[in-house]
Amino acid sequence: MPGVSSLQCPATLVVARHGDAEFLDKEFSDEGGTLSTEGRAQATRLADEVRDRRIAHVWCSDIARAVQTAEIVACRLGVAVTTRKALREIDVGDLHGQPFSIRAICSVTDHWFEGELDVAFPGGESGADVVARYAEAFTEIADVHRGETVVVVTHQTASCIALPSLTGNVSPSFADRHRLDNGESAELVIDGDDWALTRWGDFRASQL
């Protein structure tokens, strides 16, 4: 049985996709991108959507487009930002330096969304690797913010596989069919060993 503190003080994570970004590179790379005008507007709307939630902190990946989104949200809410490398997008390994291709990504991630998490990008991550590092990051955040609500700015594909895999009340295929747009969010409630998605974009708990 979880301890009394965890039962009484769940942490709520508003897990949001970063705002729309523009990129200089046309190849797979670690370039972080820069928020577009629309991306900045999306970050502003995200902050306004959670303004009444008494957000305690903003966490984000250390990639530029996520950091810029987080800083806009945090500035409007008057809270601080913490970055974590573990919240990055998926590592595509040997695809780095090759022309960007959605097909190349989907050749691996389609397996993940069908439950085959052991499939990996050559030289990169498997779905299980992504889920494990997100589990570590979310656990750290929940331990720091028991009884509080925080915003966590992440990336589309990593969140779409990690959140359903860690909670179990939403299937990865559902997340794949209803991918979060830039600036959209899901909500993860962590109460000890009990992890649950209570919202996915516009879908509420009863619809998941």
N, C-alpha and C. Protein backbone atom coordinates (compact mmCIF):
# COMPACT_ATOMS: atom_id res chain seq x y z
N MET A 1 0.85 -1.20 0.00
CA MET A 1 0.00 0.00 0.00
C MET A 1 0.88 1.24 0.00
N PRO A 2 0.56 2.24 -0.84
CA PRO A 2 1.34 3.47 -0.85
C PRO A 2 1.27 4.17 0.50
N GLY A 3 2.27 4.96 0.81
CA GLY A 3 2.26 5.71 2.05
C GLY A 3 1.13 6.72 2.09
N VAL A 4 0.83 7.19 3.29
CA VAL A 4 -0.26 8.15 3.46
C VAL A 4 -0.02 9.41 2.65
N SER A 5 1.25 9.87 2.64
CA SER A 5 1.54 11.13 1.94
C SER A 5 1.22 11.00 0.45
N SER A 6 1.57 9.86 -0.16
CA SER A 6 1.31 9.71 -1.59
C SER A 6 -0.17 9.60 -1.87
N LEU A 7 -0.93 8.97 -0.94
CA LEU A 7 -2.36 8.84 -1.14
C LEU A 7 -3.05 10.20 -1.06
N GLN A 8 -2.56 11.06 -0.18
CA GLN A 8 -3.21 12.35 0.04
C GLN A 8 -2.67 13.44 -0.88
N CYS A 9 -1.52 13.21 -1.47
CA CYS A 9 -0.88 14.29 -2.22
C CYS A 9 -0.44 13.84 -3.61
N PRO A 10 -1.37 13.54 -4.48
CA PRO A 10 -0.97 13.21 -5.85
C PRO A 10 -0.38 14.43 -6.55
N ALA A 11 0.50 14.19 -7.49
CA ALA A 11 1.03 15.26 -8.33
C ALA A 11 0.31 15.23 -9.67
N THR A 12 -0.04 16.40 -10.17
CA THR A 12 -0.70 16.51 -11.47
C THR A 12 0.26 17.16 -12.45
N LEU A 13 0.54 16.45 -13.54
CA LEU A 13 1.45 16.95 -14.57
C LEU A 13 0.65 17.28 -15.82
N VAL A 14 0.65 18.55 -16.21
CA VAL A 14 0.06 18.97 -17.48
C VAL A 14 1.17 18.84 -18.51
N VAL A 15 1.14 17.75 -19.27
CA VAL A 15 2.22 17.42 -20.19
C VAL A 15 1.87 17.97 -21.57
N ALA A 16 2.61 18.99 -21.98
CA ALA A 16 2.28 19.73 -23.21
C ALA A 16 3.34 19.54 -24.29
N ARG A 17 2.88 19.53 -25.53
CA ARG A 17 3.81 19.55 -26.65
C ARG A 17 4.29 20.99 -26.87
N HIS A 18 5.54 21.15 -27.20
CA HIS A 18 6.12 22.48 -27.46
C HIS A 18 5.37 23.20 -28.59
N GLY A 19 5.57 24.49 -28.68
CA GLY A 19 4.96 25.27 -29.75
C GLY A 19 5.59 24.99 -31.10
N ASP A 20 4.91 25.41 -32.15
CA ASP A 20 5.41 25.25 -33.52
C ASP A 20 6.78 25.90 -33.66
N ALA A 21 7.68 25.22 -34.38
CA ALA A 21 9.05 25.71 -34.52
C ALA A 21 9.52 25.71 -35.96
N GLU A 22 10.51 26.54 -36.24
CA GLU A 22 11.15 26.60 -37.55
C GLU A 22 12.57 26.06 -37.41
N PHE A 23 13.03 25.36 -38.47
CA PHE A 23 14.32 24.71 -38.43
C PHE A 23 15.18 25.13 -39.61
N LEU A 24 16.51 25.22 -39.36
CA LEU A 24 17.45 25.53 -40.44
C LEU A 24 17.86 24.26 -41.17
N ASP A 25 18.04 23.18 -40.43
CA ASP A 25 18.50 21.93 -41.03
C ASP A 25 17.36 21.20 -41.73
N LYS A 26 17.66 20.55 -42.83
CA LYS A 26 16.71 19.71 -43.55
C LYS A 26 17.02 18.23 -43.32
N GLU A 27 17.97 17.96 -42.42
CA GLU A 27 18.34 16.60 -42.10
C GLU A 27 17.97 16.32 -40.64
N PHE A 28 17.98 15.03 -40.29
CA PHE A 28 17.85 14.66 -38.89
C PHE A 28 19.05 15.22 -38.14
N SER A 29 18.79 15.97 -37.07
CA SER A 29 19.89 16.56 -36.32
C SER A 29 19.40 16.89 -34.90
N ASP A 30 20.34 17.38 -34.09
CA ASP A 30 20.00 17.80 -32.73
C ASP A 30 19.62 19.28 -32.67
N GLU A 31 19.49 19.90 -33.85
CA GLU A 31 19.08 21.31 -33.86
C GLU A 31 17.77 21.47 -33.09
N GLY A 32 17.72 22.43 -32.20
CA GLY A 32 16.54 22.56 -31.36
C GLY A 32 15.40 23.32 -31.98
N GLY A 33 15.67 24.02 -33.10
CA GLY A 33 14.62 24.83 -33.71
C GLY A 33 14.36 26.10 -32.92
N THR A 34 13.61 27.00 -33.54
CA THR A 34 13.23 28.26 -32.91
C THR A 34 11.73 28.43 -33.07
N LEU A 35 11.05 28.80 -32.00
CA LEU A 35 9.60 28.96 -32.08
C LEU A 35 9.23 29.97 -33.17
N SER A 36 8.25 29.59 -33.96
CA SER A 36 7.69 30.52 -34.95
C SER A 36 6.76 31.50 -34.23
N THR A 37 6.26 32.48 -34.97
CA THR A 37 5.29 33.42 -34.39
C THR A 37 4.08 32.66 -33.85
N GLU A 38 3.61 31.68 -34.63
CA GLU A 38 2.48 30.87 -34.18
C GLU A 38 2.86 30.04 -32.96
N GLY A 39 4.09 29.54 -32.93
CA GLY A 39 4.53 28.77 -31.78
C GLY A 39 4.53 29.58 -30.50
N ARG A 40 4.93 30.83 -30.60
CA ARG A 40 4.90 31.71 -29.42
C ARG A 40 3.46 31.98 -28.99
N ALA A 41 2.58 32.13 -29.95
CA ALA A 41 1.16 32.33 -29.62
C ALA A 41 0.58 31.08 -28.95
N GLN A 42 1.00 29.91 -29.42
CA GLN A 42 0.53 28.65 -28.82
C GLN A 42 1.01 28.53 -27.37
N ALA A 43 2.25 28.93 -27.11
CA ALA A 43 2.77 28.88 -25.75
C ALA A 43 2.01 29.84 -24.85
N THR A 44 1.68 31.01 -25.38
CA THR A 44 0.90 31.98 -24.62
C THR A 44 -0.48 31.44 -24.30
N ARG A 45 -1.11 30.79 -25.27
CA ARG A 45 -2.44 30.21 -25.03
C ARG A 45 -2.37 29.09 -23.99
N LEU A 46 -1.30 28.30 -24.05
CA LEU A 46 -1.14 27.24 -23.06
C LEU A 46 -1.07 27.83 -21.65
N ALA A 47 -0.30 28.90 -21.49
CA ALA A 47 -0.20 29.55 -20.18
C ALA A 47 -1.55 30.06 -19.72
N ASP A 48 -2.30 30.67 -20.63
CA ASP A 48 -3.60 31.21 -20.27
C ASP A 48 -4.59 30.10 -19.90
N GLU A 49 -4.46 28.95 -20.55
CA GLU A 49 -5.36 27.82 -20.26
C GLU A 49 -5.17 27.27 -18.85
N VAL A 50 -3.95 27.37 -18.33
CA VAL A 50 -3.68 26.80 -17.00
C VAL A 50 -3.52 27.89 -15.93
N ARG A 51 -3.81 29.12 -16.28
CA ARG A 51 -3.57 30.23 -15.36
C ARG A 51 -4.27 30.04 -14.01
N ASP A 52 -5.47 29.45 -14.02
CA ASP A 52 -6.24 29.27 -12.79
C ASP A 52 -5.91 27.98 -12.07
N ARG A 53 -4.89 27.25 -12.51
CA ARG A 53 -4.56 25.95 -11.93
C ARG A 53 -3.51 26.04 -10.82
N ARG A 54 -3.06 27.21 -10.49
CA ARG A 54 -2.04 27.40 -9.45
C ARG A 54 -0.79 26.56 -9.78
N ILE A 55 -0.29 26.73 -10.97
CA ILE A 55 0.88 25.99 -11.42
C ILE A 55 2.08 26.33 -10.54
N ALA A 56 2.76 25.30 -10.04
CA ALA A 56 3.87 25.51 -9.12
C ALA A 56 5.21 25.69 -9.83
N HIS A 57 5.34 25.11 -11.03
CA HIS A 57 6.65 25.10 -11.70
C HIS A 57 6.45 24.66 -13.14
N VAL A 58 7.43 24.94 -13.99
CA VAL A 58 7.42 24.44 -15.36
C VAL A 58 8.70 23.64 -15.59
N TRP A 59 8.54 22.42 -16.08
CA TRP A 59 9.65 21.56 -16.44
C TRP A 59 9.65 21.39 -17.96
N CYS A 60 10.82 21.09 -18.53
CA CYS A 60 10.86 20.92 -19.99
C CYS A 60 12.10 20.16 -20.41
N SER A 61 12.07 19.68 -21.64
CA SER A 61 13.25 19.12 -22.27
C SER A 61 14.27 20.25 -22.46
N ASP A 62 15.54 19.86 -22.65
CA ASP A 62 16.58 20.89 -22.82
C ASP A 62 16.77 21.30 -24.27
N ILE A 63 15.86 20.88 -25.16
CA ILE A 63 15.90 21.27 -26.57
C ILE A 63 15.26 22.66 -26.73
N ALA A 64 15.85 23.50 -27.58
CA ALA A 64 15.49 24.92 -27.64
C ALA A 64 13.99 25.17 -27.80
N ARG A 65 13.32 24.44 -28.69
CA ARG A 65 11.90 24.72 -28.92
C ARG A 65 11.05 24.44 -27.68
N ALA A 66 11.47 23.46 -26.88
CA ALA A 66 10.77 23.17 -25.64
C ALA A 66 11.11 24.21 -24.57
N VAL A 67 12.39 24.59 -24.50
CA VAL A 67 12.80 25.60 -23.51
C VAL A 67 12.11 26.93 -23.79
N GLN A 68 12.05 27.34 -25.04
CA GLN A 68 11.39 28.61 -25.38
C GLN A 68 9.91 28.57 -25.03
N THR A 69 9.26 27.44 -25.30
CA THR A 69 7.85 27.30 -24.93
C THR A 69 7.69 27.40 -23.41
N ALA A 70 8.54 26.68 -22.69
CA ALA A 70 8.46 26.68 -21.22
C ALA A 70 8.70 28.06 -20.64
N GLU A 71 9.64 28.78 -21.20
CA GLU A 71 9.95 30.11 -20.66
C GLU A 71 8.80 31.08 -20.86
N ILE A 72 8.11 30.98 -21.99
CA ILE A 72 6.94 31.84 -22.21
C ILE A 72 5.85 31.51 -21.21
N VAL A 73 5.59 30.21 -21.02
CA VAL A 73 4.56 29.79 -20.07
C VAL A 73 4.94 30.23 -18.66
N ALA A 74 6.17 29.98 -18.26
CA ALA A 74 6.61 30.31 -16.91
C ALA A 74 6.57 31.80 -16.64
N CYS A 75 6.97 32.59 -17.63
CA CYS A 75 6.97 34.05 -17.47
C CYS A 75 5.56 34.57 -17.23
N ARG A 76 4.60 34.06 -17.99
CA ARG A 76 3.22 34.52 -17.83
C ARG A 76 2.60 34.07 -16.51
N LEU A 77 3.11 32.94 -15.99
CA LEU A 77 2.56 32.42 -14.74
C LEU A 77 3.36 32.85 -13.51
N GLY A 78 4.54 33.42 -13.73
CA GLY A 78 5.35 33.87 -12.61
C GLY A 78 6.01 32.75 -11.84
N VAL A 79 6.42 31.68 -12.54
CA VAL A 79 7.10 30.56 -11.88
C VAL A 79 8.42 30.29 -12.60
N ALA A 80 9.20 29.36 -12.06
CA ALA A 80 10.51 29.06 -12.60
C ALA A 80 10.46 27.86 -13.56
N VAL A 81 11.58 27.66 -14.28
CA VAL A 81 11.71 26.57 -15.25
C VAL A 81 12.89 25.69 -14.89
N THR A 82 12.70 24.38 -15.03
CA THR A 82 13.79 23.42 -14.87
C THR A 82 13.85 22.54 -16.11
N THR A 83 15.05 22.34 -16.67
CA THR A 83 15.20 21.49 -17.86
C THR A 83 15.70 20.11 -17.47
N ARG A 84 15.30 19.12 -18.26
CA ARG A 84 15.79 17.75 -18.08
C ARG A 84 16.03 17.11 -19.45
N LYS A 85 17.23 16.59 -19.66
CA LYS A 85 17.57 15.91 -20.91
C LYS A 85 16.65 14.71 -21.14
N ALA A 86 16.19 14.08 -20.06
CA ALA A 86 15.35 12.89 -20.16
C ALA A 86 14.01 13.17 -20.82
N LEU A 87 13.62 14.44 -20.96
CA LEU A 87 12.35 14.80 -21.57
C LEU A 87 12.48 15.10 -23.07
N ARG A 88 13.61 14.76 -23.66
CA ARG A 88 13.83 15.02 -25.09
C ARG A 88 12.94 14.14 -25.97
N GLU A 89 12.92 14.49 -27.26
CA GLU A 89 12.26 13.66 -28.27
C GLU A 89 13.07 12.37 -28.45
N ILE A 90 12.55 11.44 -29.24
CA ILE A 90 13.20 10.15 -29.45
C ILE A 90 14.57 10.32 -30.13
N ASP A 91 15.48 9.39 -29.81
CA ASP A 91 16.81 9.38 -30.43
C ASP A 91 16.76 8.45 -31.63
N VAL A 92 16.91 9.03 -32.83
CA VAL A 92 16.79 8.24 -34.07
C VAL A 92 18.11 7.64 -34.52
N GLY A 93 19.16 7.77 -33.73
CA GLY A 93 20.40 7.05 -33.98
C GLY A 93 21.05 7.34 -35.32
N ASP A 94 21.21 6.29 -36.12
CA ASP A 94 21.95 6.39 -37.39
C ASP A 94 21.27 7.26 -38.43
N LEU A 95 20.03 7.69 -38.17
CA LEU A 95 19.35 8.58 -39.11
C LEU A 95 19.90 10.00 -39.06
N HIS A 96 20.62 10.33 -37.99
CA HIS A 96 21.20 11.67 -37.89
C HIS A 96 22.08 11.96 -39.10
N GLY A 97 21.87 13.12 -39.69
CA GLY A 97 22.62 13.53 -40.87
C GLY A 97 21.98 13.13 -42.18
N GLN A 98 20.95 12.29 -42.12
CA GLN A 98 20.24 11.89 -43.33
C GLN A 98 19.05 12.83 -43.56
N PRO A 99 18.56 12.94 -44.81
CA PRO A 99 17.40 13.80 -45.08
C PRO A 99 16.21 13.42 -44.21
N PHE A 100 15.54 14.42 -43.69
CA PHE A 100 14.41 14.17 -42.80
C PHE A 100 13.31 13.42 -43.55
N SER A 101 12.75 12.40 -42.91
CA SER A 101 11.73 11.58 -43.53
C SER A 101 10.77 11.03 -42.48
N ILE A 102 9.49 11.38 -42.61
CA ILE A 102 8.48 10.84 -41.72
C ILE A 102 8.40 9.32 -41.88
N ARG A 103 8.57 8.85 -43.11
CA ARG A 103 8.50 7.41 -43.37
C ARG A 103 9.58 6.67 -42.58
N ALA A 104 10.78 7.25 -42.52
CA ALA A 104 11.87 6.60 -41.78
C ALA A 104 11.55 6.50 -40.30
N ILE A 105 10.92 7.54 -39.76
CA ILE A 105 10.53 7.51 -38.35
C ILE A 105 9.44 6.46 -38.12
N CYS A 106 8.43 6.49 -38.97
CA CYS A 106 7.29 5.59 -38.79
C CYS A 106 7.66 4.12 -39.00
N SER A 107 8.73 3.86 -39.73
CA SER A 107 9.14 2.48 -39.93
C SER A 107 9.50 1.81 -38.61
N VAL A 108 9.85 2.62 -37.61
CA VAL A 108 10.13 2.11 -36.27
C VAL A 108 8.97 2.38 -35.33
N THR A 109 8.49 3.62 -35.29
CA THR A 109 7.49 3.98 -34.28
C THR A 109 6.14 3.30 -34.51
N ASP A 110 5.84 2.93 -35.74
CA ASP A 110 4.59 2.18 -35.97
C ASP A 110 4.58 0.89 -35.16
N HIS A 111 5.75 0.28 -35.01
CA HIS A 111 5.84 -0.93 -34.19
C HIS A 111 5.55 -0.61 -32.72
N TRP A 112 6.08 0.53 -32.26
CA TRP A 112 5.85 0.92 -30.86
C TRP A 112 4.37 1.08 -30.57
N PHE A 113 3.67 1.75 -31.48
CA PHE A 113 2.25 2.01 -31.23
C PHE A 113 1.39 0.75 -31.34
N GLU A 114 1.99 -0.33 -31.83
CA GLU A 114 1.32 -1.64 -31.84
C GLU A 114 1.78 -2.50 -30.67
N GLY A 115 2.56 -1.91 -29.76
CA GLY A 115 2.98 -2.62 -28.56
C GLY A 115 4.34 -3.29 -28.64
N GLU A 116 5.05 -3.12 -29.76
CA GLU A 116 6.36 -3.76 -29.93
C GLU A 116 7.46 -2.77 -29.51
N LEU A 117 7.61 -2.59 -28.21
CA LEU A 117 8.52 -1.57 -27.70
C LEU A 117 9.99 -1.94 -27.82
N ASP A 118 10.30 -3.20 -28.09
CA ASP A 118 11.70 -3.60 -28.19
C ASP A 118 12.32 -3.23 -29.54
N VAL A 119 11.50 -2.86 -30.51
CA VAL A 119 12.04 -2.43 -31.80
C VAL A 119 12.78 -1.11 -31.61
N ALA A 120 13.96 -0.99 -32.20
CA ALA A 120 14.81 0.19 -31.99
C ALA A 120 15.29 0.79 -33.30
N PHE A 121 15.57 2.09 -33.26
CA PHE A 121 16.28 2.73 -34.37
C PHE A 121 17.72 2.22 -34.37
N PRO A 122 18.28 1.82 -35.50
CA PRO A 122 19.69 1.42 -35.51
C PRO A 122 20.57 2.52 -34.92
N GLY A 123 21.31 2.17 -33.91
CA GLY A 123 22.16 3.15 -33.24
C GLY A 123 21.41 4.10 -32.33
N GLY A 124 20.08 3.92 -32.17
CA GLY A 124 19.27 4.83 -31.37
C GLY A 124 18.44 4.09 -30.34
N GLU A 125 17.29 4.67 -30.01
CA GLU A 125 16.47 4.15 -28.93
C GLU A 125 15.41 3.16 -29.40
N SER A 126 15.05 2.29 -28.49
CA SER A 126 13.85 1.47 -28.63
C SER A 126 12.70 2.19 -27.94
N GLY A 127 11.48 1.71 -28.18
CA GLY A 127 10.35 2.28 -27.47
C GLY A 127 10.49 2.10 -25.97
N ALA A 128 11.03 0.95 -25.56
CA ALA A 128 11.23 0.70 -24.13
C ALA A 128 12.20 1.71 -23.52
N ASP A 129 13.23 2.09 -24.28
CA ASP A 129 14.18 3.10 -23.80
C ASP A 129 13.49 4.43 -23.55
N VAL A 130 12.63 4.83 -24.49
CA VAL A 130 11.92 6.10 -24.36
C VAL A 130 11.02 6.08 -23.13
N VAL A 131 10.28 5.00 -22.96
CA VAL A 131 9.36 4.88 -21.82
C VAL A 131 10.15 4.92 -20.51
N ALA A 132 11.29 4.26 -20.46
CA ALA A 132 12.07 4.21 -19.23
C ALA A 132 12.60 5.58 -18.83
N ARG A 133 13.10 6.35 -19.80
CA ARG A 133 13.64 7.66 -19.41
C ARG A 133 12.55 8.64 -19.05
N TYR A 134 11.39 8.53 -19.70
CA TYR A 134 10.27 9.40 -19.31
C TYR A 134 9.74 9.01 -17.94
N ALA A 135 9.73 7.72 -17.63
CA ALA A 135 9.29 7.27 -16.30
C ALA A 135 10.19 7.88 -15.22
N GLU A 136 11.49 7.88 -15.48
CA GLU A 136 12.43 8.45 -14.52
C GLU A 136 12.19 9.95 -14.33
N ALA A 137 11.99 10.66 -15.43
CA ALA A 137 11.76 12.11 -15.34
C ALA A 137 10.45 12.42 -14.63
N PHE A 138 9.37 11.73 -15.00
CA PHE A 138 8.07 11.99 -14.37
C PHE A 138 8.09 11.65 -12.89
N THR A 139 8.80 10.58 -12.51
CA THR A 139 8.90 10.21 -11.11
C THR A 139 9.60 11.30 -10.31
N GLU A 140 10.69 11.83 -10.86
CA GLU A 140 11.39 12.92 -10.19
C GLU A 140 10.47 14.12 -10.00
N ILE A 141 9.76 14.49 -11.04
CA ILE A 141 8.88 15.65 -10.97
C ILE A 141 7.78 15.43 -9.94
N ALA A 142 7.17 14.24 -9.94
CA ALA A 142 6.09 13.95 -8.99
C ALA A 142 6.60 13.98 -7.56
N ASP A 143 7.80 13.47 -7.32
CA ASP A 143 8.36 13.46 -5.96
C ASP A 143 8.60 14.88 -5.45
N VAL A 144 8.98 15.77 -6.35
CA VAL A 144 9.23 17.17 -5.95
C VAL A 144 7.93 17.93 -5.73
N HIS A 145 6.87 17.54 -6.44
CA HIS A 145 5.64 18.35 -6.46
C HIS A 145 4.41 17.60 -5.97
N ARG A 146 4.54 16.83 -4.91
CA ARG A 146 3.37 16.17 -4.35
C ARG A 146 2.34 17.21 -3.91
N GLY A 147 1.11 16.97 -4.31
CA GLY A 147 0.04 17.89 -3.94
C GLY A 147 -0.02 19.14 -4.80
N GLU A 148 0.81 19.20 -5.85
CA GLU A 148 0.87 20.38 -6.70
C GLU A 148 0.59 20.02 -8.16
N THR A 149 0.38 21.06 -8.96
CA THR A 149 0.20 20.90 -10.41
C THR A 149 1.32 21.63 -11.12
N VAL A 150 1.94 20.97 -12.09
CA VAL A 150 3.04 21.56 -12.84
C VAL A 150 2.79 21.37 -14.33
N VAL A 151 3.47 22.18 -15.12
CA VAL A 151 3.46 22.03 -16.57
C VAL A 151 4.78 21.36 -16.98
N VAL A 152 4.69 20.38 -17.89
CA VAL A 152 5.88 19.70 -18.39
C VAL A 152 5.85 19.79 -19.92
N VAL A 153 6.81 20.50 -20.50
CA VAL A 153 6.85 20.71 -21.94
C VAL A 153 7.75 19.66 -22.58
N THR A 154 7.17 18.85 -23.46
CA THR A 154 7.90 17.74 -24.06
C THR A 154 7.72 17.73 -25.58
N HIS A 155 7.78 16.54 -26.17
CA HIS A 155 7.77 16.38 -27.62
C HIS A 155 6.73 15.35 -28.03
N GLN A 156 6.28 15.44 -29.27
CA GLN A 156 5.11 14.68 -29.70
C GLN A 156 5.28 13.17 -29.63
N THR A 157 6.23 12.62 -30.37
CA THR A 157 6.32 11.17 -30.47
C THR A 157 6.68 10.53 -29.14
N ALA A 158 7.63 11.10 -28.43
CA ALA A 158 8.03 10.54 -27.14
C ALA A 158 6.86 10.52 -26.16
N SER A 159 6.12 11.61 -26.09
CA SER A 159 4.97 11.66 -25.18
C SER A 159 3.88 10.68 -25.59
N CYS A 160 3.67 10.56 -26.90
CA CYS A 160 2.59 9.69 -27.39
C CYS A 160 2.85 8.22 -27.09
N ILE A 161 4.11 7.82 -26.96
CA ILE A 161 4.39 6.43 -26.60
C ILE A 161 4.59 6.28 -25.09
N ALA A 162 5.19 7.26 -24.43
CA ALA A 162 5.50 7.12 -23.01
C ALA A 162 4.27 7.21 -22.13
N LEU A 163 3.43 8.22 -22.34
CA LEU A 163 2.28 8.42 -21.45
C LEU A 163 1.33 7.23 -21.44
N PRO A 164 0.89 6.71 -22.59
CA PRO A 164 0.01 5.54 -22.55
C PRO A 164 0.70 4.32 -21.96
N SER A 165 1.97 4.12 -22.28
CA SER A 165 2.68 2.94 -21.79
C SER A 165 2.86 2.96 -20.28
N LEU A 166 2.98 4.14 -19.71
CA LEU A 166 3.20 4.26 -18.27
C LEU A 166 1.91 4.21 -17.45
N THR A 167 0.79 4.49 -18.09
CA THR A 167 -0.46 4.55 -17.34
C THR A 167 -1.37 3.36 -17.59
N GLY A 168 -1.53 2.97 -18.83
CA GLY A 168 -2.34 1.79 -19.13
C GLY A 168 -3.81 2.05 -19.33
N ASN A 169 -4.30 3.26 -18.98
CA ASN A 169 -5.74 3.51 -19.19
C ASN A 169 -6.02 4.15 -20.55
N VAL A 170 -4.97 4.37 -21.33
CA VAL A 170 -5.09 4.82 -22.72
C VAL A 170 -4.13 3.96 -23.54
N SER A 171 -4.57 3.49 -24.68
CA SER A 171 -3.70 2.65 -25.51
C SER A 171 -2.75 3.52 -26.33
N PRO A 172 -1.55 3.03 -26.62
CA PRO A 172 -0.66 3.76 -27.51
C PRO A 172 -1.28 4.04 -28.87
N SER A 173 -2.11 3.12 -29.36
CA SER A 173 -2.74 3.33 -30.67
C SER A 173 -3.73 4.50 -30.62
N PHE A 174 -4.40 4.69 -29.46
CA PHE A 174 -5.28 5.84 -29.29
C PHE A 174 -4.47 7.13 -29.38
N ALA A 175 -3.36 7.17 -28.67
CA ALA A 175 -2.49 8.36 -28.70
C ALA A 175 -1.98 8.62 -30.11
N ASP A 176 -1.66 7.56 -30.83
CA ASP A 176 -1.17 7.72 -32.20
C ASP A 176 -2.25 8.30 -33.10
N ARG A 177 -3.49 7.87 -32.91
CA ARG A 177 -4.60 8.37 -33.74
C ARG A 177 -4.99 9.79 -33.37
N HIS A 178 -4.70 10.20 -32.15
CA HIS A 178 -5.10 11.52 -31.66
C HIS A 178 -3.88 12.27 -31.14
N ARG A 179 -2.92 12.47 -32.03
CA ARG A 179 -1.68 13.12 -31.62
C ARG A 179 -1.92 14.56 -31.16
N LEU A 180 -1.17 14.97 -30.15
CA LEU A 180 -1.30 16.32 -29.63
C LEU A 180 -0.71 17.31 -30.62
N ASP A 181 -1.44 18.35 -30.92
CA ASP A 181 -0.92 19.43 -31.75
C ASP A 181 0.03 20.29 -30.93
N ASN A 182 0.77 21.15 -31.60
CA ASN A 182 1.67 22.06 -30.89
C ASN A 182 0.89 22.88 -29.86
N GLY A 183 1.39 22.91 -28.64
CA GLY A 183 0.74 23.67 -27.57
C GLY A 183 -0.38 22.93 -26.87
N GLU A 184 -0.79 21.77 -27.37
CA GLU A 184 -1.84 20.99 -26.71
C GLU A 184 -1.24 20.13 -25.61
N SER A 185 -2.08 19.65 -24.72
CA SER A 185 -1.57 18.92 -23.56
C SER A 185 -2.44 17.74 -23.16
N ALA A 186 -1.84 16.88 -22.35
CA ALA A 186 -2.55 15.80 -21.66
C ALA A 186 -2.29 16.00 -20.17
N GLU A 187 -3.06 15.30 -19.33
CA GLU A 187 -2.84 15.41 -17.89
C GLU A 187 -2.57 14.04 -17.30
N LEU A 188 -1.49 13.97 -16.54
CA LEU A 188 -1.05 12.77 -15.88
C LEU A 188 -1.09 13.00 -14.37
N VAL A 189 -1.80 12.12 -13.66
CA VAL A 189 -1.87 12.20 -12.20
C VAL A 189 -1.07 11.03 -11.63
N ILE A 190 -0.12 11.35 -10.77
CA ILE A 190 0.74 10.34 -10.16
C ILE A 190 0.50 10.35 -8.65
N ASP A 191 0.00 9.23 -8.14
CA ASP A 191 -0.26 9.08 -6.71
C ASP A 191 0.42 7.80 -6.25
N GLY A 192 1.65 7.91 -5.81
CA GLY A 192 2.41 6.73 -5.45
C GLY A 192 2.64 5.87 -6.68
N ASP A 193 2.22 4.60 -6.60
CA ASP A 193 2.38 3.70 -7.75
C ASP A 193 1.21 3.77 -8.72
N ASP A 194 0.25 4.60 -8.44
CA ASP A 194 -0.94 4.73 -9.29
C ASP A 194 -0.76 5.89 -10.25
N TRP A 195 -0.58 5.57 -11.54
CA TRP A 195 -0.41 6.58 -12.58
C TRP A 195 -1.62 6.52 -13.50
N ALA A 196 -2.24 7.66 -13.80
CA ALA A 196 -3.41 7.65 -14.68
C ALA A 196 -3.45 8.90 -15.54
N LEU A 197 -3.84 8.72 -16.80
CA LEU A 197 -4.12 9.86 -17.67
C LEU A 197 -5.57 10.27 -17.44
N THR A 198 -5.77 11.52 -17.09
CA THR A 198 -7.13 12.01 -16.84
C THR A 198 -7.65 12.88 -17.97
N ARG A 199 -6.76 13.24 -18.90
CA ARG A 199 -7.17 14.01 -20.07
C ARG A 199 -6.13 13.82 -21.16
N TRP A 200 -6.63 13.78 -22.41
CA TRP A 200 -5.74 13.73 -23.57
C TRP A 200 -6.27 14.72 -24.58
N GLY A 201 -5.62 15.87 -24.69
CA GLY A 201 -6.16 16.92 -25.56
C GLY A 201 -7.55 17.31 -25.10
N ASP A 202 -8.53 17.20 -26.01
CA ASP A 202 -9.91 17.53 -25.68
C ASP A 202 -10.69 16.34 -25.12
N PHE A 203 -10.04 15.17 -25.02
CA PHE A 203 -10.71 13.99 -24.51
C PHE A 203 -10.57 13.94 -22.99
N ARG A 204 -11.69 13.87 -22.29
CA ARG A 204 -11.69 13.75 -20.83
C ARG A 204 -11.62 12.29 -20.42
N ALA A 205 -11.45 12.07 -19.10
CA ALA A 205 -11.23 10.72 -18.60
C ALA A 205 -12.30 9.73 -19.05
N SER A 206 -13.56 10.15 -19.04
CA SER A 206 -14.65 9.25 -19.40
C SER A 206 -14.64 8.87 -20.87
N GLN A 207 -13.87 9.61 -21.68
CA GLN A 207 -13.82 9.36 -23.12
C GLN A 207 -12.58 8.57 -23.52
N LEU A 208 -11.68 8.33 -22.59
CA LEU A 208 -10.42 7.68 -22.91
C LEU A 208 -10.56 6.17 -22.90
